[in-house]
Amino acid sequence: MSENLQATIIKILVVDLEVDAEQATGDATLAELDLDSLAIAELVVRLKEEAGADLGEEESSMGSLTVSGLADLAAAARSGERAA
């Protein structure tokens, strides 16, 4: 399930946030992709709209997450679990 979420996140990063497609990999952190707090907030909103993953108050600590880590967090949020 998180592979589909990872693909959705990468699509949002590349299409909506204009991140270089070559840099938008599962191993890249949001900080490495030069996403500021506003861009991360936009990513969270778009992820909720496209995937139904409500990350709510998690966005302040997302800069150190990798794209695949964010996909795992989104999968947990969609299933109603809280990430550790």
PDB file of N, CA and C in Angstrom:
ATOM      1  N   MET A   1       0.826  -1.185   0.000  1.00  0.00           N
ATOM      2  CA  MET A   1       0.000   0.000   0.000  1.00  0.00           C
ATOM      3  C   MET A   1       0.875   1.255   0.000  1.00  0.00           C
ATOM      4  N   SER A   2       1.958   1.248   0.743  1.00  0.00           N
ATOM      5  CA  SER A   2       2.765   2.468   0.811  1.00  0.00           C
ATOM      6  C   SER A   2       3.495   2.748  -0.503  1.00  0.00           C
ATOM      7  N   GLU A   3       3.651   1.727  -1.384  1.00  0.00           N
ATOM      8  CA  GLU A   3       4.256   1.990  -2.690  1.00  0.00           C
ATOM      9  C   GLU A   3       3.360   2.917  -3.506  1.00  0.00           C
ATOM     10  N   ASN A   4       2.031   2.685  -3.454  1.00  0.00           N
ATOM     11  CA  ASN A   4       1.096   3.568  -4.149  1.00  0.00           C
ATOM     12  C   ASN A   4       1.142   4.965  -3.549  1.00  0.00           C
ATOM     13  N   LEU A   5       1.231   5.040  -2.240  1.00  0.00           N
ATOM     14  CA  LEU A   5       1.329   6.341  -1.579  1.00  0.00           C
ATOM     15  C   LEU A   5       2.635   7.031  -1.943  1.00  0.00           C
ATOM     16  N   GLN A   6       3.703   6.276  -2.030  1.00  0.00           N
ATOM     17  CA  GLN A   6       4.983   6.863  -2.419  1.00  0.00           C
ATOM     18  C   GLN A   6       4.882   7.434  -3.830  1.00  0.00           C
ATOM     19  N   ALA A   7       4.250   6.719  -4.740  1.00  0.00           N
ATOM     20  CA  ALA A   7       4.072   7.222  -6.108  1.00  0.00           C
ATOM     21  C   ALA A   7       3.228   8.489  -6.104  1.00  0.00           C
ATOM     22  N   THR A   8       2.198   8.528  -5.269  1.00  0.00           N
ATOM     23  CA  THR A   8       1.362   9.726  -5.156  1.00  0.00           C
ATOM     24  C   THR A   8       2.170  10.899  -4.617  1.00  0.00           C
ATOM     25  N   ILE A   9       2.973  10.653  -3.598  1.00  0.00           N
ATOM     26  CA  ILE A   9       3.806  11.712  -3.015  1.00  0.00           C
ATOM     27  C   ILE A   9       4.789  12.244  -4.052  1.00  0.00           C
ATOM     28  N   ILE A  10       5.430  11.347  -4.776  1.00  0.00           N
ATOM     29  CA  ILE A  10       6.390  11.777  -5.801  1.00  0.00           C
ATOM     30  C   ILE A  10       5.687  12.593  -6.881  1.00  0.00           C
ATOM     31  N   LYS A  11       4.495  12.180  -7.270  1.00  0.00           N
ATOM     32  CA  LYS A  11       3.732  12.943  -8.266  1.00  0.00           C
ATOM     33  C   LYS A  11       3.437  14.349  -7.751  1.00  0.00           C
ATOM     34  N   ILE A  12       2.994  14.461  -6.501  1.00  0.00           N
ATOM     35  CA  ILE A  12       2.710  15.773  -5.913  1.00  0.00           C
ATOM     36  C   ILE A  12       3.981  16.611  -5.862  1.00  0.00           C
ATOM     37  N   LEU A  13       5.087  16.006  -5.453  1.00  0.00           N
ATOM     38  CA  LEU A  13       6.352  16.728  -5.375  1.00  0.00           C
ATOM     39  C   LEU A  13       6.772  17.285  -6.734  1.00  0.00           C
ATOM     40  N   VAL A  14       6.669  16.455  -7.753  1.00  0.00           N
ATOM     41  CA  VAL A  14       7.148  16.843  -9.078  1.00  0.00           C
ATOM     42  C   VAL A  14       6.176  17.790  -9.775  1.00  0.00           C
ATOM     43  N   VAL A  15       4.896  17.449  -9.772  1.00  0.00           N
ATOM     44  CA  VAL A  15       3.908  18.230 -10.522  1.00  0.00           C
ATOM     45  C   VAL A  15       3.517  19.507  -9.785  1.00  0.00           C
ATOM     46  N   ASP A  16       3.174  19.386  -8.519  1.00  0.00           N
ATOM     47  CA  ASP A  16       2.646  20.535  -7.775  1.00  0.00           C
ATOM     48  C   ASP A  16       3.731  21.397  -7.149  1.00  0.00           C
ATOM     49  N   LEU A  17       4.778  20.765  -6.645  1.00  0.00           N
ATOM     50  CA  LEU A  17       5.801  21.509  -5.918  1.00  0.00           C
ATOM     51  C   LEU A  17       7.076  21.726  -6.731  1.00  0.00           C
ATOM     52  N   GLU A  18       7.070  21.263  -7.977  1.00  0.00           N
ATOM     53  CA  GLU A  18       8.151  21.481  -8.937  1.00  0.00           C
ATOM     54  C   GLU A  18       9.518  21.000  -8.458  1.00  0.00           C
ATOM     55  N   VAL A  19       9.525  19.859  -7.764  1.00  0.00           N
ATOM     56  CA  VAL A  19      10.777  19.220  -7.367  1.00  0.00           C
ATOM     57  C   VAL A  19      11.316  18.471  -8.580  1.00  0.00           C
ATOM     58  N   ASP A  20      12.615  18.488  -8.762  1.00  0.00           N
ATOM     59  CA  ASP A  20      13.259  17.766  -9.856  1.00  0.00           C
ATOM     60  C   ASP A  20      12.930  16.274  -9.732  1.00  0.00           C
ATOM     61  N   ALA A  21      12.409  15.700 -10.808  1.00  0.00           N
ATOM     62  CA  ALA A  21      11.986  14.294 -10.797  1.00  0.00           C
ATOM     63  C   ALA A  21      13.128  13.346 -10.453  1.00  0.00           C
ATOM     64  N   GLU A  22      14.352  13.682 -10.853  1.00  0.00           N
ATOM     65  CA  GLU A  22      15.494  12.821 -10.550  1.00  0.00           C
ATOM     66  C   GLU A  22      15.831  12.823  -9.065  1.00  0.00           C
ATOM     67  N   GLN A  23      15.507  13.896  -8.369  1.00  0.00           N
ATOM     68  CA  GLN A  23      15.796  13.985  -6.940  1.00  0.00           C
ATOM     69  C   GLN A  23      14.686  13.382  -6.094  1.00  0.00           C
ATOM     70  N   ALA A  24      13.483  13.305  -6.626  1.00  0.00           N
ATOM     71  CA  ALA A  24      12.321  12.824  -5.865  1.00  0.00           C
ATOM     72  C   ALA A  24      12.310  11.299  -5.838  1.00  0.00           C
ATOM     73  N   THR A  25      13.107  10.742  -4.938  1.00  0.00           N
ATOM     74  CA  THR A  25      13.188   9.288  -4.774  1.00  0.00           C
ATOM     75  C   THR A  25      12.734   8.920  -3.373  1.00  0.00           C
ATOM     76  N   GLY A  26      12.530   7.659  -3.147  1.00  0.00           N
ATOM     77  CA  GLY A  26      12.104   7.187  -1.841  1.00  0.00           C
ATOM     78  C   GLY A  26      13.095   7.459  -0.732  1.00  0.00           C
ATOM     79  N   ASP A  27      14.370   7.566  -1.083  1.00  0.00           N
ATOM     80  CA  ASP A  27      15.420   7.776  -0.083  1.00  0.00           C
ATOM     81  C   ASP A  27      15.686   9.242   0.227  1.00  0.00           C
ATOM     82  N   ALA A  28      15.137  10.154  -0.552  1.00  0.00           N
ATOM     83  CA  ALA A  28      15.379  11.579  -0.341  1.00  0.00           C
ATOM     84  C   ALA A  28      14.533  12.096   0.816  1.00  0.00           C
ATOM     85  N   THR A  29      15.155  12.894   1.683  1.00  0.00           N
ATOM     86  CA  THR A  29      14.369  13.526   2.744  1.00  0.00           C
ATOM     87  C   THR A  29      13.709  14.783   2.184  1.00  0.00           C
ATOM     88  N   LEU A  30      12.669  15.218   2.853  1.00  0.00           N
ATOM     89  CA  LEU A  30      11.991  16.433   2.421  1.00  0.00           C
ATOM     90  C   LEU A  30      12.932  17.629   2.516  1.00  0.00           C
ATOM     91  N   ALA A  31      13.804  17.631   3.511  1.00  0.00           N
ATOM     92  CA  ALA A  31      14.794  18.704   3.649  1.00  0.00           C
ATOM     93  C   ALA A  31      15.769  18.690   2.475  1.00  0.00           C
ATOM     94  N   GLU A  32      16.203  17.513   2.060  1.00  0.00           N
ATOM     95  CA  GLU A  32      17.117  17.406   0.915  1.00  0.00           C
ATOM     96  C   GLU A  32      16.461  17.892  -0.373  1.00  0.00           C
ATOM     97  N   LEU A  33      15.143  17.820  -0.431  1.00  0.00           N
ATOM     98  CA  LEU A  33      14.408  18.301  -1.602  1.00  0.00           C
ATOM     99  C   LEU A  33      14.129  19.802  -1.514  1.00  0.00           C
ATOM    100  N   ASP A  34      14.695  20.444  -0.494  1.00  0.00           N
ATOM    101  CA  ASP A  34      14.561  21.890  -0.274  1.00  0.00           C
ATOM    102  C   ASP A  34      13.117  22.335  -0.072  1.00  0.00           C
ATOM    103  N   LEU A  35      12.329  21.505   0.609  1.00  0.00           N
ATOM    104  CA  LEU A  35      10.960  21.901   0.909  1.00  0.00           C
ATOM    105  C   LEU A  35      10.943  22.709   2.199  1.00  0.00           C
ATOM    106  N   ASP A  36      10.445  23.928   2.122  1.00  0.00           N
ATOM    107  CA  ASP A  36      10.299  24.739   3.322  1.00  0.00           C
ATOM    108  C   ASP A  36       8.976  24.381   3.997  1.00  0.00           C
ATOM    109  N   SER A  37       8.680  25.037   5.102  1.00  0.00           N
ATOM    110  CA  SER A  37       7.476  24.686   5.866  1.00  0.00           C
ATOM    111  C   SER A  37       6.205  24.913   5.065  1.00  0.00           C
ATOM    112  N   LEU A  38       6.184  25.921   4.221  1.00  0.00           N
ATOM    113  CA  LEU A  38       5.008  26.170   3.384  1.00  0.00           C
ATOM    114  C   LEU A  38       4.820  25.064   2.355  1.00  0.00           C
ATOM    115  N   ALA A  39       5.905  24.616   1.743  1.00  0.00           N
ATOM    116  CA  ALA A  39       5.832  23.529   0.766  1.00  0.00           C
ATOM    117  C   ALA A  39       5.408  22.223   1.443  1.00  0.00           C
ATOM    118  N   ILE A  40       5.903  21.977   2.647  1.00  0.00           N
ATOM    119  CA  ILE A  40       5.501  20.770   3.379  1.00  0.00           C
ATOM    120  C   ILE A  40       4.022  20.835   3.723  1.00  0.00           C
ATOM    121  N   ALA A  41       3.545  22.009   4.118  1.00  0.00           N
ATOM    122  CA  ALA A  41       2.117  22.160   4.409  1.00  0.00           C
ATOM    123  C   ALA A  41       1.285  21.900   3.163  1.00  0.00           C
ATOM    124  N   GLU A  42       1.735  22.391   2.013  1.00  0.00           N
ATOM    125  CA  GLU A  42       1.038  22.137   0.746  1.00  0.00           C
ATOM    126  C   GLU A  42       1.038  20.642   0.430  1.00  0.00           C
ATOM    127  N   LEU A  43       2.163  19.982   0.654  1.00  0.00           N
ATOM    128  CA  LEU A  43       2.258  18.542   0.431  1.00  0.00           C
ATOM    129  C   LEU A  43       1.262  17.794   1.309  1.00  0.00           C
ATOM    130  N   VAL A  44       1.156  18.185   2.568  1.00  0.00           N
ATOM    131  CA  VAL A  44       0.226  17.541   3.502  1.00  0.00           C
ATOM    132  C   VAL A  44      -1.218  17.718   3.032  1.00  0.00           C
ATOM    133  N   VAL A  45      -1.564  18.921   2.591  1.00  0.00           N
ATOM    134  CA  VAL A  45      -2.922  19.185   2.100  1.00  0.00           C
ATOM    135  C   VAL A  45      -3.211  18.358   0.852  1.00  0.00           C
ATOM    136  N   ARG A  46      -2.274  18.355  -0.097  1.00  0.00           N
ATOM    137  CA  ARG A  46      -2.472  17.593  -1.345  1.00  0.00           C
ATOM    138  C   ARG A  46      -2.549  16.097  -1.067  1.00  0.00           C
ATOM    139  N   LEU A  47      -1.769  15.610  -0.126  1.00  0.00           N
ATOM    140  CA  LEU A  47      -1.789  14.192   0.224  1.00  0.00           C
ATOM    141  C   LEU A  47      -3.130  13.807   0.834  1.00  0.00           C
ATOM    142  N   LYS A  48      -3.693  14.699   1.638  1.00  0.00           N
ATOM    143  CA  LYS A  48      -5.012  14.443   2.202  1.00  0.00           C
ATOM    144  C   LYS A  48      -6.062  14.415   1.101  1.00  0.00           C
ATOM    145  N   GLU A  49      -5.980  15.342   0.166  1.00  0.00           N
ATOM    146  CA  GLU A  49      -6.943  15.408  -0.936  1.00  0.00           C
ATOM    147  C   GLU A  49      -6.850  14.189  -1.848  1.00  0.00           C
ATOM    148  N   GLU A  50      -5.649  13.789  -2.193  1.00  0.00           N
ATOM    149  CA  GLU A  50      -5.462  12.718  -3.175  1.00  0.00           C
ATOM    150  C   GLU A  50      -5.496  11.317  -2.577  1.00  0.00           C
ATOM    151  N   ALA A  51      -5.063  11.182  -1.323  1.00  0.00           N
ATOM    152  CA  ALA A  51      -4.933   9.835  -0.753  1.00  0.00           C
ATOM    153  C   ALA A  51      -5.759   9.622   0.507  1.00  0.00           C
ATOM    154  N   GLY A  52      -6.402  10.671   0.996  1.00  0.00           N
ATOM    155  CA  GLY A  52      -7.202  10.526   2.202  1.00  0.00           C
ATOM    156  C   GLY A  52      -6.396  10.314   3.462  1.00  0.00           C
ATOM    157  N   ALA A  53      -5.128  10.721   3.433  1.00  0.00           N
ATOM    158  CA  ALA A  53      -4.237  10.561   4.588  1.00  0.00           C
ATOM    159  C   ALA A  53      -4.156  11.884   5.336  1.00  0.00           C
ATOM    160  N   ASP A  54      -4.771  11.948   6.501  1.00  0.00           N
ATOM    161  CA  ASP A  54      -4.770  13.167   7.305  1.00  0.00           C
ATOM    162  C   ASP A  54      -3.597  13.131   8.268  1.00  0.00           C
ATOM    163  N   LEU A  55      -2.553  13.872   7.936  1.00  0.00           N
ATOM    164  CA  LEU A  55      -1.361  13.897   8.775  1.00  0.00           C
ATOM    165  C   LEU A  55      -1.428  14.980   9.835  1.00  0.00           C
ATOM    166  N   GLY A  56      -2.443  15.815   9.750  1.00  0.00           N
ATOM    167  CA  GLY A  56      -2.729  16.802  10.773  1.00  0.00           C
ATOM    168  C   GLY A  56      -1.537  17.534  11.317  1.00  0.00           C
ATOM    169  N   GLU A  57      -1.227  17.309  12.567  1.00  0.00           N
ATOM    170  CA  GLU A  57      -0.194  18.055  13.284  1.00  0.00           C
ATOM    171  C   GLU A  57       1.211  17.505  13.078  1.00  0.00           C
ATOM    172  N   GLU A  58       1.359  16.547  12.203  1.00  0.00           N
ATOM    173  CA  GLU A  58       2.662  15.919  12.000  1.00  0.00           C
ATOM    174  C   GLU A  58       3.624  16.770  11.188  1.00  0.00           C
ATOM    175  N   GLU A  59       3.128  17.772  10.456  1.00  0.00           N
ATOM    176  CA  GLU A  59       3.951  18.448   9.461  1.00  0.00           C
ATOM    177  C   GLU A  59       5.166  19.185  10.017  1.00  0.00           C
ATOM    178  N   SER A  60       5.127  19.597  11.273  1.00  0.00           N
ATOM    179  CA  SER A  60       6.263  20.340  11.818  1.00  0.00           C
ATOM    180  C   SER A  60       7.524  19.493  11.946  1.00  0.00           C
ATOM    181  N   SER A  61       7.377  18.184  11.981  1.00  0.00           N
ATOM    182  CA  SER A  61       8.536  17.311  12.141  1.00  0.00           C
ATOM    183  C   SER A  61       8.838  16.493  10.888  1.00  0.00           C
ATOM    184  N   MET A  62       8.336  16.893   9.758  1.00  0.00           N
ATOM    185  CA  MET A  62       8.470  16.091   8.544  1.00  0.00           C
ATOM    186  C   MET A  62       9.739  16.323   7.750  1.00  0.00           C
ATOM    187  N   GLY A  63      10.449  17.388   7.982  1.00  0.00           N
ATOM    188  CA  GLY A  63      11.623  17.699   7.177  1.00  0.00           C
ATOM    189  C   GLY A  63      12.652  16.588   7.142  1.00  0.00           C
ATOM    190  N   SER A  64      12.772  15.849   8.218  1.00  0.00           N
ATOM    191  CA  SER A  64      13.772  14.780   8.270  1.00  0.00           C
ATOM    192  C   SER A  64      13.257  13.453   7.715  1.00  0.00           C
ATOM    193  N   LEU A  65      11.981  13.399   7.365  1.00  0.00           N
ATOM    194  CA  LEU A  65      11.426  12.168   6.804  1.00  0.00           C
ATOM    195  C   LEU A  65      11.867  11.970   5.365  1.00  0.00           C
ATOM    196  N   THR A  66      12.075  10.709   5.008  1.00  0.00           N
ATOM    197  CA  THR A  66      12.289  10.387   3.601  1.00  0.00           C
ATOM    198  C   THR A  66      10.927  10.298   2.931  1.00  0.00           C
ATOM    199  N   VAL A  67      10.926  10.293   1.615  1.00  0.00           N
ATOM    200  CA  VAL A  67       9.674  10.144   0.870  1.00  0.00           C
ATOM    201  C   VAL A  67       9.012   8.818   1.235  1.00  0.00           C
ATOM    202  N   SER A  68       9.779   7.734   1.326  1.00  0.00           N
ATOM    203  CA  SER A  68       9.188   6.449   1.699  1.00  0.00           C
ATOM    204  C   SER A  68       8.721   6.449   3.154  1.00  0.00           C
ATOM    205  N   GLY A  69       9.418   7.159   4.023  1.00  0.00           N
ATOM    206  CA  GLY A  69       8.977   7.297   5.411  1.00  0.00           C
ATOM    207  C   GLY A  69       7.668   8.056   5.503  1.00  0.00           C
ATOM    208  N   LEU A  70       7.526   9.086   4.679  1.00  0.00           N
ATOM    209  CA  LEU A  70       6.277   9.836   4.624  1.00  0.00           C
ATOM    210  C   LEU A  70       5.150   8.950   4.104  1.00  0.00           C
ATOM    211  N   ALA A  71       5.451   8.097   3.132  1.00  0.00           N
ATOM    212  CA  ALA A  71       4.444   7.159   2.621  1.00  0.00           C
ATOM    213  C   ALA A  71       3.991   6.206   3.719  1.00  0.00           C
ATOM    214  N   ASP A  72       4.921   5.717   4.529  1.00  0.00           N
ATOM    215  CA  ASP A  72       4.563   4.845   5.655  1.00  0.00           C
ATOM    216  C   ASP A  72       3.699   5.583   6.672  1.00  0.00           C
ATOM    217  N   LEU A  73       4.055   6.831   6.968  1.00  0.00           N
ATOM    218  CA  LEU A  73       3.277   7.649   7.895  1.00  0.00           C
ATOM    219  C   LEU A  73       1.872   7.886   7.354  1.00  0.00           C
ATOM    220  N   ALA A  74       1.767   8.154   6.061  1.00  0.00           N
ATOM    221  CA  ALA A  74       0.464   8.369   5.431  1.00  0.00           C
ATOM    222  C   ALA A  74      -0.372   7.094   5.449  1.00  0.00           C
ATOM    223  N   ALA A  75       0.273   5.949   5.230  1.00  0.00           N
ATOM    224  CA  ALA A  75      -0.447   4.673   5.273  1.00  0.00           C
ATOM    225  C   ALA A  75      -1.008   4.426   6.670  1.00  0.00           C
ATOM    226  N   ALA A  76      -0.211   4.729   7.681  1.00  0.00           N
ATOM    227  CA  ALA A  76      -0.665   4.571   9.064  1.00  0.00           C
ATOM    228  C   ALA A  76      -1.823   5.526   9.354  1.00  0.00           C
ATOM    229  N   ALA A  77      -1.722   6.755   8.850  1.00  0.00           N
ATOM    230  CA  ALA A  77      -2.789   7.737   9.071  1.00  0.00           C
ATOM    231  C   ALA A  77      -4.080   7.310   8.392  1.00  0.00           C
ATOM    232  N   ARG A  78      -3.966   6.749   7.201  1.00  0.00           N
ATOM    233  CA  ARG A  78      -5.162   6.291   6.483  1.00  0.00           C
ATOM    234  C   ARG A  78      -5.845   5.140   7.200  1.00  0.00           C
ATOM    235  N   SER A  79      -5.063   4.303   7.834  1.00  0.00           N
ATOM    236  CA  SER A  79      -5.653   3.149   8.521  1.00  0.00           C
ATOM    237  C   SER A  79      -6.042   3.485   9.957  1.00  0.00           C
ATOM    238  N   GLY A  80      -5.834   4.746  10.353  1.00  0.00           N
ATOM    239  CA  GLY A  80      -6.239   5.183  11.691  1.00  0.00           C
ATOM    240  C   GLY A  80      -5.215   4.919  12.767  1.00  0.00           C
ATOM    241  N   GLU A  81      -4.031   4.478  12.395  1.00  0.00           N
ATOM    242  CA  GLU A  81      -2.983   4.215  13.377  1.00  0.00           C
ATOM    243  C   GLU A  81      -2.187   5.499  13.593  1.00  0.00           C
ATOM    244  N   ARG A  82      -1.489   5.584  14.689  1.00  0.00           N
ATOM    245  CA  ARG A  82      -0.565   6.682  14.941  1.00  0.00           C
ATOM    246  C   ARG A  82       0.839   6.144  14.770  1.00  0.00           C
ATOM    247  N   ALA A  83       1.679   6.905  14.109  1.00  0.00           N
ATOM    248  CA  ALA A  83       3.057   6.497  13.930  1.00  0.00           C
ATOM    249  C   ALA A  83       3.808   6.625  15.247  1.00  0.00           C
ATOM    250  N   ALA A  84       4.792   5.755  15.419  1.00  0.00           N
ATOM    251  CA  ALA A  84       5.603   5.798  16.645  1.00  0.00           C
ATOM    252  C   ALA A  84       6.645   6.861  16.567  1.00  0.00           C
TER     253      ALA A  84
END
